[in-house]
């Protein structure tokens, strides 16, 4: 399993999604003081999750 790293900012397409307030607070705390924004963090988290799902496929 790949270790999660704070990502660089990539070019993106706008997509609206709702997050629970506690998740937003946790992400903002994790990226505080880094060169990462909320969207880039979530994108990397989704990429890692997708990779993990692929590794679990039979």
PDB file of N, CA and C in Angstrom:
ATOM      1  N   UNK A   1       0.836  -1.171   0.000  1.00  0.00           N
ATOM      2  CA  UNK A   1       0.000   0.000   0.000  1.00  0.00           C
ATOM      3  C   UNK A   1       0.883   1.238   0.000  1.00  0.00           C
ATOM      4  N   UNK A   2       0.547   2.201  -0.841  1.00  0.00           N
ATOM      5  CA  UNK A   2       1.295   3.443  -0.964  1.00  0.00           C
ATOM      6  C   UNK A   2       0.998   4.356   0.214  1.00  0.00           C
ATOM      7  N   UNK A   3       2.014   5.029   0.717  1.00  0.00           N
ATOM      8  CA  UNK A   3       1.856   5.964   1.817  1.00  0.00           C
ATOM      9  C   UNK A   3       1.302   7.280   1.293  1.00  0.00           C
ATOM     10  N   UNK A   4       0.361   7.883   2.018  1.00  0.00           N
ATOM     11  CA  UNK A   4      -0.215   9.166   1.636  1.00  0.00           C
ATOM     12  C   UNK A   4       0.810  10.265   1.832  1.00  0.00           C
ATOM     13  N   UNK A   5       0.947  11.139   0.812  1.00  0.00           N
ATOM     14  CA  UNK A   5       1.833  12.296   0.885  1.00  0.00           C
ATOM     15  C   UNK A   5       1.029  13.537   0.536  1.00  0.00           C
ATOM     16  N   UNK A   6       1.359  14.654   1.156  1.00  0.00           N
ATOM     17  CA  UNK A   6       0.719  15.918   0.801  1.00  0.00           C
ATOM     18  C   UNK A   6       1.087  16.207  -0.651  1.00  0.00           C
ATOM     19  N   UNK A   7       0.088  16.389  -1.530  1.00  0.00           N
ATOM     20  CA  UNK A   7       0.351  16.517  -2.967  1.00  0.00           C
ATOM     21  C   UNK A   7       0.685  17.927  -3.419  1.00  0.00           C
ATOM     22  N   UNK A   8       1.193  18.016  -4.651  1.00  0.00           N
ATOM     23  CA  UNK A   8       1.366  19.290  -5.339  1.00  0.00           C
ATOM     24  C   UNK A   8       0.015  19.677  -5.929  1.00  0.00           C
ATOM     25  N   UNK A   9      -0.118  20.924  -6.327  1.00  0.00           N
ATOM     26  CA  UNK A   9      -1.360  21.385  -6.930  1.00  0.00           C
ATOM     27  C   UNK A   9      -1.350  21.062  -8.419  1.00  0.00           C
ATOM     28  N   UNK A  10      -2.429  20.426  -8.917  1.00  0.00           N
ATOM     29  CA  UNK A  10      -2.570  20.049 -10.313  1.00  0.00           C
ATOM     30  C   UNK A  10      -3.662  20.889 -10.971  1.00  0.00           C
ATOM     31  N   UNK A  11      -3.653  20.958 -12.307  1.00  0.00           N
ATOM     32  CA  UNK A  11      -4.774  21.579 -12.997  1.00  0.00           C
ATOM     33  C   UNK A  11      -5.968  20.645 -12.857  1.00  0.00           C
ATOM     34  N   UNK A  12      -7.162  21.214 -12.695  1.00  0.00           N
ATOM     35  CA  UNK A  12      -8.336  20.402 -12.395  1.00  0.00           C
ATOM     36  C   UNK A  12      -9.575  20.924 -13.108  1.00  0.00           C
ATOM     37  N   UNK A  13     -10.631  20.142 -13.049  1.00  0.00           N
ATOM     38  CA  UNK A  13     -11.962  20.538 -13.488  1.00  0.00           C
ATOM     39  C   UNK A  13     -12.811  20.712 -12.237  1.00  0.00           C
ATOM     40  N   UNK A  14     -13.603  21.756 -12.203  1.00  0.00           N
ATOM     41  CA  UNK A  14     -14.430  22.033 -11.033  1.00  0.00           C
ATOM     42  C   UNK A  14     -15.525  20.984 -10.860  1.00  0.00           C
ATOM     43  N   UNK A  15     -15.673  20.478  -9.637  1.00  0.00           N
ATOM     44  CA  UNK A  15     -16.697  19.499  -9.285  1.00  0.00           C
ATOM     45  C   UNK A  15     -17.181  19.844  -7.879  1.00  0.00           C
ATOM     46  N   UNK A  16     -18.480  19.933  -7.694  1.00  0.00           N
ATOM     47  CA  UNK A  16     -19.022  20.284  -6.382  1.00  0.00           C
ATOM     48  C   UNK A  16     -19.275  19.023  -5.569  1.00  0.00           C
ATOM     49  N   UNK A  17     -18.837  19.052  -4.302  1.00  0.00           N
ATOM     50  CA  UNK A  17     -19.032  17.919  -3.404  1.00  0.00           C
ATOM     51  C   UNK A  17     -19.200  18.465  -1.988  1.00  0.00           C
ATOM     52  N   UNK A  18     -20.040  17.811  -1.207  1.00  0.00           N
ATOM     53  CA  UNK A  18     -20.261  18.223   0.181  1.00  0.00           C
ATOM     54  C   UNK A  18     -19.455  17.317   1.109  1.00  0.00           C
ATOM     55  N   UNK A  19     -18.841  17.933   2.130  1.00  0.00           N
ATOM     56  CA  UNK A  19     -18.068  17.210   3.126  1.00  0.00           C
ATOM     57  C   UNK A  19     -18.642  17.497   4.506  1.00  0.00           C
ATOM     58  N   UNK A  20     -18.589  16.533   5.404  1.00  0.00           N
ATOM     59  CA  UNK A  20     -18.958  16.804   6.793  1.00  0.00           C
ATOM     60  C   UNK A  20     -17.991  17.847   7.379  1.00  0.00           C
ATOM     61  N   UNK A  21     -18.517  18.688   8.264  1.00  0.00           N
ATOM     62  CA  UNK A  21     -17.698  19.755   8.845  1.00  0.00           C
ATOM     63  C   UNK A  21     -16.444  19.230   9.544  1.00  0.00           C
ATOM     64  N   UNK A  22     -16.561  18.090  10.209  1.00  0.00           N
ATOM     65  CA  UNK A  22     -15.392  17.568  10.924  1.00  0.00           C
ATOM     66  C   UNK A  22     -14.299  17.113   9.959  1.00  0.00           C
ATOM     67  N   UNK A  23     -14.674  16.594   8.789  1.00  0.00           N
ATOM     68  CA  UNK A  23     -13.685  16.186   7.790  1.00  0.00           C
ATOM     69  C   UNK A  23     -12.969  17.417   7.246  1.00  0.00           C
ATOM     70  N   UNK A  24     -13.724  18.469   6.976  1.00  0.00           N
ATOM     71  CA  UNK A  24     -13.125  19.721   6.496  1.00  0.00           C
ATOM     72  C   UNK A  24     -12.122  20.242   7.511  1.00  0.00           C
ATOM     73  N   UNK A  25     -12.501  20.254   8.774  1.00  0.00           N
ATOM     74  CA  UNK A  25     -11.604  20.744   9.823  1.00  0.00           C
ATOM     75  C   UNK A  25     -10.335  19.895   9.900  1.00  0.00           C
ATOM     76  N   UNK A  26     -10.478  18.577   9.802  1.00  0.00           N
ATOM     77  CA  UNK A  26      -9.308  17.691   9.876  1.00  0.00           C
ATOM     78  C   UNK A  26      -8.372  17.896   8.688  1.00  0.00           C
ATOM     79  N   UNK A  27      -8.939  18.043   7.492  1.00  0.00           N
ATOM     80  CA  UNK A  27      -8.110  18.282   6.301  1.00  0.00           C
ATOM     81  C   UNK A  27      -7.402  19.626   6.419  1.00  0.00           C
ATOM     82  N   UNK A  28      -8.128  20.658   6.809  1.00  0.00           N
ATOM     83  CA  UNK A  28      -7.507  21.975   6.940  1.00  0.00           C
ATOM     84  C   UNK A  28      -6.380  21.970   7.964  1.00  0.00           C
ATOM     85  N   UNK A  29      -6.546  21.213   9.037  1.00  0.00           N
ATOM     86  CA  UNK A  29      -5.472  21.085  10.029  1.00  0.00           C
ATOM     87  C   UNK A  29      -4.274  20.361   9.429  1.00  0.00           C
ATOM     88  N   UNK A  30      -4.522  19.315   8.647  1.00  0.00           N
ATOM     89  CA  UNK A  30      -3.435  18.537   8.048  1.00  0.00           C
ATOM     90  C   UNK A  30      -2.624  19.339   7.039  1.00  0.00           C
ATOM     91  N   UNK A  31      -3.260  20.266   6.334  1.00  0.00           N
ATOM     92  CA  UNK A  31      -2.554  21.024   5.292  1.00  0.00           C
ATOM     93  C   UNK A  31      -2.031  22.369   5.777  1.00  0.00           C
ATOM     94  N   UNK A  32      -2.371  22.743   6.993  1.00  0.00           N
ATOM     95  CA  UNK A  32      -1.908  24.022   7.540  1.00  0.00           C
ATOM     96  C   UNK A  32      -0.381  24.077   7.518  1.00  0.00           C
ATOM     97  N   UNK A  33       0.157  25.146   6.956  1.00  0.00           N
ATOM     98  CA  UNK A  33       1.604  25.326   6.909  1.00  0.00           C
ATOM     99  C   UNK A  33       2.272  24.614   5.747  1.00  0.00           C
ATOM    100  N   UNK A  34       1.491  24.003   4.871  1.00  0.00           N
ATOM    101  CA  UNK A  34       2.056  23.323   3.709  1.00  0.00           C
ATOM    102  C   UNK A  34       1.712  24.106   2.446  1.00  0.00           C
ATOM    103  N   UNK A  35       2.293  23.693   1.332  1.00  0.00           N
ATOM    104  CA  UNK A  35       1.981  24.292   0.039  1.00  0.00           C
ATOM    105  C   UNK A  35       0.929  23.429  -0.655  1.00  0.00           C
ATOM    106  N   UNK A  36      -0.175  23.186   0.028  1.00  0.00           N
ATOM    107  CA  UNK A  36      -1.232  22.316  -0.480  1.00  0.00           C
ATOM    108  C   UNK A  36      -2.578  22.946  -0.153  1.00  0.00           C
ATOM    109  N   UNK A  37      -3.515  22.833  -1.092  1.00  0.00           N
ATOM    110  CA  UNK A  37      -4.856  23.325  -0.797  1.00  0.00           C
ATOM    111  C   UNK A  37      -5.795  22.149  -0.562  1.00  0.00           C
ATOM    112  N   UNK A  38      -7.026  22.458  -0.154  1.00  0.00           N
ATOM    113  CA  UNK A  38      -7.999  21.431   0.186  1.00  0.00           C
ATOM    114  C   UNK A  38      -8.240  20.478  -0.980  1.00  0.00           C
ATOM    115  N   UNK A  39      -8.451  21.042  -2.157  1.00  0.00           N
ATOM    116  CA  UNK A  39      -8.745  20.216  -3.333  1.00  0.00           C
ATOM    117  C   UNK A  39      -7.607  19.262  -3.658  1.00  0.00           C
ATOM    118  N   UNK A  40      -6.385  19.753  -3.638  1.00  0.00           N
ATOM    119  CA  UNK A  40      -5.241  18.898  -3.957  1.00  0.00           C
ATOM    120  C   UNK A  40      -5.113  17.762  -2.951  1.00  0.00           C
ATOM    121  N   UNK A  41      -5.376  18.046  -1.695  1.00  0.00           N
ATOM    122  CA  UNK A  41      -5.322  17.013  -0.659  1.00  0.00           C
ATOM    123  C   UNK A  41      -6.358  15.928  -0.923  1.00  0.00           C
ATOM    124  N   UNK A  42      -7.592  16.354  -1.213  1.00  0.00           N
ATOM    125  CA  UNK A  42      -8.671  15.392  -1.456  1.00  0.00           C
ATOM    126  C   UNK A  42      -8.403  14.577  -2.717  1.00  0.00           C
ATOM    127  N   UNK A  43      -7.887  15.214  -3.762  1.00  0.00           N
ATOM    128  CA  UNK A  43      -7.557  14.495  -4.995  1.00  0.00           C
ATOM    129  C   UNK A  43      -6.534  13.401  -4.715  1.00  0.00           C
ATOM    130  N   UNK A  44      -5.502  13.724  -3.971  1.00  0.00           N
ATOM    131  CA  UNK A  44      -4.483  12.715  -3.649  1.00  0.00           C
ATOM    132  C   UNK A  44      -5.074  11.599  -2.801  1.00  0.00           C
ATOM    133  N   UNK A  45      -5.945  11.940  -1.858  1.00  0.00           N
ATOM    134  CA  UNK A  45      -6.575  10.924  -1.025  1.00  0.00           C
ATOM    135  C   UNK A  45      -7.422   9.979  -1.874  1.00  0.00           C
ATOM    136  N   UNK A  46      -8.146  10.522  -2.846  1.00  0.00           N
ATOM    137  CA  UNK A  46      -8.963   9.695  -3.730  1.00  0.00           C
ATOM    138  C   UNK A  46      -8.073   8.820  -4.603  1.00  0.00           C
ATOM    139  N   UNK A  47      -6.978   9.363  -5.100  1.00  0.00           N
ATOM    140  CA  UNK A  47      -6.056   8.560  -5.921  1.00  0.00           C
ATOM    141  C   UNK A  47      -5.502   7.382  -5.127  1.00  0.00           C
ATOM    142  N   UNK A  48      -5.115   7.630  -3.883  1.00  0.00           N
ATOM    143  CA  UNK A  48      -4.593   6.556  -3.039  1.00  0.00           C
ATOM    144  C   UNK A  48      -5.689   5.525  -2.772  1.00  0.00           C
ATOM    145  N   UNK A  49      -6.903   5.987  -2.502  1.00  0.00           N
ATOM    146  CA  UNK A  49      -8.015   5.066  -2.262  1.00  0.00           C
ATOM    147  C   UNK A  49      -8.285   4.204  -3.487  1.00  0.00           C
ATOM    148  N   UNK A  50      -8.285   4.799  -4.676  1.00  0.00           N
ATOM    149  CA  UNK A  50      -8.508   4.043  -5.908  1.00  0.00           C
ATOM    150  C   UNK A  50      -7.400   3.016  -6.133  1.00  0.00           C
ATOM    151  N   UNK A  51      -6.165   3.413  -5.866  1.00  0.00           N
ATOM    152  CA  UNK A  51      -5.042   2.480  -6.001  1.00  0.00           C
ATOM    153  C   UNK A  51      -5.194   1.311  -5.028  1.00  0.00           C
ATOM    154  N   UNK A  52      -5.608   1.608  -3.798  1.00  0.00           N
ATOM    155  CA  UNK A  52      -5.815   0.549  -2.805  1.00  0.00           C
ATOM    156  C   UNK A  52      -6.912  -0.408  -3.248  1.00  0.00           C
ATOM    157  N   UNK A  53      -7.985   0.124  -3.829  1.00  0.00           N
ATOM    158  CA  UNK A  53      -9.065  -0.735  -4.319  1.00  0.00           C
ATOM    159  C   UNK A  53      -8.571  -1.644  -5.434  1.00  0.00           C
ATOM    160  N   UNK A  54      -7.749  -1.117  -6.346  1.00  0.00           N
ATOM    161  CA  UNK A  54      -7.210  -1.925  -7.427  1.00  0.00           C
ATOM    162  C   UNK A  54      -6.328  -3.041  -6.895  1.00  0.00           C
ATOM    163  N   UNK A  55      -5.557  -2.741  -5.848  1.00  0.00           N
ATOM    164  CA  UNK A  55      -4.682  -3.765  -5.254  1.00  0.00           C
ATOM    165  C   UNK A  55      -5.496  -4.871  -4.599  1.00  0.00           C
ATOM    166  N   UNK A  56      -6.699  -4.555  -4.137  1.00  0.00           N
ATOM    167  CA  UNK A  56      -7.549  -5.548  -3.480  1.00  0.00           C
ATOM    168  C   UNK A  56      -8.355  -6.394  -4.452  1.00  0.00           C
ATOM    169  N   UNK A  57      -8.350  -6.035  -5.737  1.00  0.00           N
ATOM    170  CA  UNK A  57      -9.099  -6.815  -6.743  1.00  0.00           C
ATOM    171  C   UNK A  57      -8.467  -8.191  -6.908  1.00  0.00           C
ATOM    172  N   UNK A  58      -9.310  -9.207  -7.155  1.00  0.00           N
ATOM    173  CA  UNK A  58      -8.762 -10.562  -7.321  1.00  0.00           C
ATOM    174  C   UNK A  58      -7.950 -10.719  -8.590  1.00  0.00           C
TER     175      UNK A  58
END
